[in-house]
Amino acid sequence: MRIRVDGEGRKGVAACEQAFHGGPLPGPGGSHAGADARQVALRQPCLRQRRHFLRTYERADSAWSRRQWDAVKGWLRAMHDRSRDRGAEFVLALFPDQMQVEEGLRREVLQHFRLDGRAYDFEKPQRLLQAFAAENGIRIVDLLPAFRAAGRGGGLYLVRDTHWNPEGNRLAADLLYGY
């Protein structure tokens, strides 16, 4: 269950990549004067986007989370029913979010916004979806354990982009093929 924030599109993603991992950004005229301030300014939209994603993991129940979860259950039931009506088995694959996998990213966002990590449960989506699947006779493939084992320090996602890089795609493909 992930909320997609369109933000600034691909241009914003490129700026986030540069701000987080591209080294100092050149200042006016190509110099590196003021680069640190520019990097901090470019990081802000990326961090705000990540903060928005944190809503998915809030421990506290809210009207927003109930509405989101009800919508997800409705979509999953519809897919399950449609598959069954066509004689196919519906298998639910749980793709982990970068915040669930990369401890450093998670820690950075929590620290930046001075948030208490105990207010969040980064395994909540998996638990809710696993319980839903069990109640509805749906088989499940959860990629989170393998992604955490292989990518705690990074290396499976595009830089601050939330999409898998080639290594992440390879791992997912291997896990799904093995299922």
Foldseek 3Di string as FASTA:
>chain_A
DFDDDCPPHPVLVVLCLCLPPVPFDADPPRHSVPRVVVSVVSNVVLLVRVVVRQVCFFPDDDPVNVVVLVVVLVVVVVVQVVQVVVVHAAEAEADAWPCLAAVVSVVVSCVVVVHDPVRGDRCVVVVSVVVSCVVVVHHYHYCRVVSNVVQHNHDQPDRSPRHGDVVVVVSVVVSVVVD
